[in-house]
Amino acid sequence: MYLTTEKKKELFKKYGKSETDTGSTEAQIAIFTERINYLTQHLLANKKDYSTQRALLKLVGKRRKLLDYLKEKDIERYRSIIKSLKIRK
């Protein structure tokens, strides 16, 4: 699988509050970003995989909603996650 347990724990530790913090907005955005990057690379090799393309678009929408929520809630946390994950609007 593309995302091992160790990689998830590392992401949760870096962007969440601890290794087991799976619910924080930043941790969820980080996981979605990793998955989006993986699916993007997959689609570059498999251009006609339309189900994966649809899943990618849904993931981007979910991440966008979380980013919008974070922007409303705490603009500084939003700016830091955008900068650390190199996401641009």
C-alpha atoms as a PDB file:
ATOM      1  CA  MET A   1       0.000   0.000   0.000  1.00  0.00           C
ATOM      2  CA  TYR A   2       1.162   3.515  -0.639  1.00  0.00           C
ATOM      3  CA  LEU A   3       0.736   4.771   2.940  1.00  0.00           C
ATOM      4  CA  THR A   4       2.186   2.551   5.652  1.00  0.00           C
ATOM      5  CA  THR A   5       1.313   2.729   9.323  1.00  0.00           C
ATOM      6  CA  GLU A   6       4.690   4.264  10.105  1.00  0.00           C
ATOM      7  CA  LYS A   7       4.165   6.970   7.480  1.00  0.00           C
ATOM      8  CA  LYS A   8       0.724   7.763   8.919  1.00  0.00           C
ATOM      9  CA  LYS A   9       2.122   8.002  12.444  1.00  0.00           C
ATOM     10  CA  GLU A  10       4.847  10.305  11.170  1.00  0.00           C
ATOM     11  CA  LEU A  11       2.268  12.551   9.485  1.00  0.00           C
ATOM     12  CA  PHE A  12       0.060  12.591  12.588  1.00  0.00           C
ATOM     13  CA  LYS A  13       3.060  13.427  14.765  1.00  0.00           C
ATOM     14  CA  LYS A  14       4.179  16.225  12.439  1.00  0.00           C
ATOM     15  CA  TYR A  15       0.805  17.827  11.735  1.00  0.00           C
ATOM     16  CA  GLY A  16      -1.368  16.600  14.599  1.00  0.00           C
ATOM     17  CA  LYS A  17      -0.904  16.810  18.322  1.00  0.00           C
ATOM     18  CA  SER A  18       0.508  13.279  18.725  1.00  0.00           C
ATOM     19  CA  GLU A  19       1.044  10.026  16.818  1.00  0.00           C
ATOM     20  CA  THR A  20      -2.485   8.900  17.637  1.00  0.00           C
ATOM     21  CA  ASP A  21      -4.188  12.222  16.849  1.00  0.00           C
ATOM     22  CA  THR A  22      -6.147  11.236  13.748  1.00  0.00           C
ATOM     23  CA  GLY A  23      -9.004  13.678  14.189  1.00  0.00           C
ATOM     24  CA  SER A  24      -7.353  17.075  14.040  1.00  0.00           C
ATOM     25  CA  THR A  25      -8.021  19.088  10.937  1.00  0.00           C
ATOM     26  CA  GLU A  26      -4.337  19.467  10.107  1.00  0.00           C
ATOM     27  CA  ALA A  27      -3.730  15.715  10.324  1.00  0.00           C
ATOM     28  CA  GLN A  28      -6.683  14.968   8.049  1.00  0.00           C
ATOM     29  CA  ILE A  29      -5.515  17.565   5.519  1.00  0.00           C
ATOM     30  CA  ALA A  30      -2.022  16.029   5.556  1.00  0.00           C
ATOM     31  CA  ILE A  31      -3.407  12.527   4.919  1.00  0.00           C
ATOM     32  CA  PHE A  32      -5.643  13.804   2.112  1.00  0.00           C
ATOM     33  CA  THR A  33      -2.673  15.599   0.559  1.00  0.00           C
ATOM     34  CA  GLU A  34      -0.555  12.427   0.590  1.00  0.00           C
ATOM     35  CA  ARG A  35      -3.381  10.500  -1.019  1.00  0.00           C
ATOM     36  CA  ILE A  36      -3.982  13.206  -3.632  1.00  0.00           C
ATOM     37  CA  ASN A  37      -0.299  13.184  -4.569  1.00  0.00           C
ATOM     38  CA  TYR A  38      -0.327   9.387  -4.903  1.00  0.00           C
ATOM     39  CA  LEU A  39      -3.459   9.379  -7.070  1.00  0.00           C
ATOM     40  CA  THR A  40      -2.075  12.170  -9.241  1.00  0.00           C
ATOM     41  CA  GLN A  41       1.024  10.102  -9.984  1.00  0.00           C
ATOM     42  CA  HIS A  42      -1.178   7.089 -10.718  1.00  0.00           C
ATOM     43  CA  LEU A  43      -3.274   9.072 -13.172  1.00  0.00           C
ATOM     44  CA  LEU A  44      -0.207  10.289 -15.031  1.00  0.00           C
ATOM     45  CA  ALA A  45       0.557   6.666 -15.874  1.00  0.00           C
ATOM     46  CA  ASN A  46      -3.068   5.525 -16.332  1.00  0.00           C
ATOM     47  CA  LYS A  47      -4.851   8.290 -18.197  1.00  0.00           C
ATOM     48  CA  LYS A  48      -8.094   6.377 -18.794  1.00  0.00           C
ATOM     49  CA  ASP A  49      -8.687   5.339 -15.182  1.00  0.00           C
ATOM     50  CA  TYR A  50     -11.842   7.380 -14.744  1.00  0.00           C
ATOM     51  CA  SER A  51     -12.918   5.917 -11.411  1.00  0.00           C
ATOM     52  CA  THR A  52      -9.625   7.002  -9.864  1.00  0.00           C
ATOM     53  CA  GLN A  53     -10.043  10.404 -11.475  1.00  0.00           C
ATOM     54  CA  ARG A  54     -13.464  10.759  -9.842  1.00  0.00           C
ATOM     55  CA  ALA A  55     -12.053   9.668  -6.469  1.00  0.00           C
ATOM     56  CA  LEU A  56      -9.275  12.229  -6.825  1.00  0.00           C
ATOM     57  CA  LEU A  57     -11.757  15.020  -7.478  1.00  0.00           C
ATOM     58  CA  LYS A  58     -13.807  13.987  -4.439  1.00  0.00           C
ATOM     59  CA  LEU A  59     -10.673  14.004  -2.269  1.00  0.00           C
ATOM     60  CA  VAL A  60      -9.705  17.456  -3.489  1.00  0.00           C
ATOM     61  CA  GLY A  61     -13.198  18.669  -2.583  1.00  0.00           C
ATOM     62  CA  LYS A  62     -12.993  17.153   0.896  1.00  0.00           C
ATOM     63  CA  ARG A  63      -9.594  18.736   1.478  1.00  0.00           C
ATOM     64  CA  ARG A  64     -10.893  22.078   0.231  1.00  0.00           C
ATOM     65  CA  LYS A  65     -13.808  21.927   2.705  1.00  0.00           C
ATOM     66  CA  LEU A  66     -11.426  21.175   5.575  1.00  0.00           C
ATOM     67  CA  LEU A  67      -9.147  24.022   4.518  1.00  0.00           C
ATOM     68  CA  ASP A  68     -12.108  26.408   4.343  1.00  0.00           C
ATOM     69  CA  TYR A  69     -13.200  25.313   7.822  1.00  0.00           C
ATOM     70  CA  LEU A  70      -9.707  25.848   9.191  1.00  0.00           C
ATOM     71  CA  LYS A  71      -9.499  29.253   7.503  1.00  0.00           C
ATOM     72  CA  GLU A  72     -12.703  30.356   9.251  1.00  0.00           C
ATOM     73  CA  LYS A  73     -11.702  28.858  12.588  1.00  0.00           C
ATOM     74  CA  ASP A  74      -8.050  29.909  12.884  1.00  0.00           C
ATOM     75  CA  ILE A  75      -6.286  31.771  10.057  1.00  0.00           C
ATOM     76  CA  GLU A  76      -2.792  31.228  11.500  1.00  0.00           C
ATOM     77  CA  ARG A  77      -3.180  27.435  11.581  1.00  0.00           C
ATOM     78  CA  TYR A  78      -4.508  27.635   8.012  1.00  0.00           C
ATOM     79  CA  ARG A  79      -1.498  29.627   6.832  1.00  0.00           C
ATOM     80  CA  SER A  80       0.951  27.291   8.552  1.00  0.00           C
ATOM     81  CA  ILE A  81      -0.576  24.129   7.049  1.00  0.00           C
ATOM     82  CA  ILE A  82      -0.678  25.698   3.583  1.00  0.00           C
ATOM     83  CA  LYS A  83       2.968  26.666   3.890  1.00  0.00           C
ATOM     84  CA  SER A  84       4.187  23.353   5.303  1.00  0.00           C
ATOM     85  CA  LEU A  85       2.308  21.173   2.782  1.00  0.00           C
ATOM     86  CA  LYS A  86       3.024  23.568  -0.110  1.00  0.00           C
ATOM     87  CA  ILE A  87      -0.641  23.778  -1.074  1.00  0.00           C
ATOM     88  CA  ARG A  88      -1.726  26.818  -2.985  1.00  0.00           C
ATOM     89  CA  LYS A  89      -5.245  28.019  -3.515  1.00  0.00           C
END
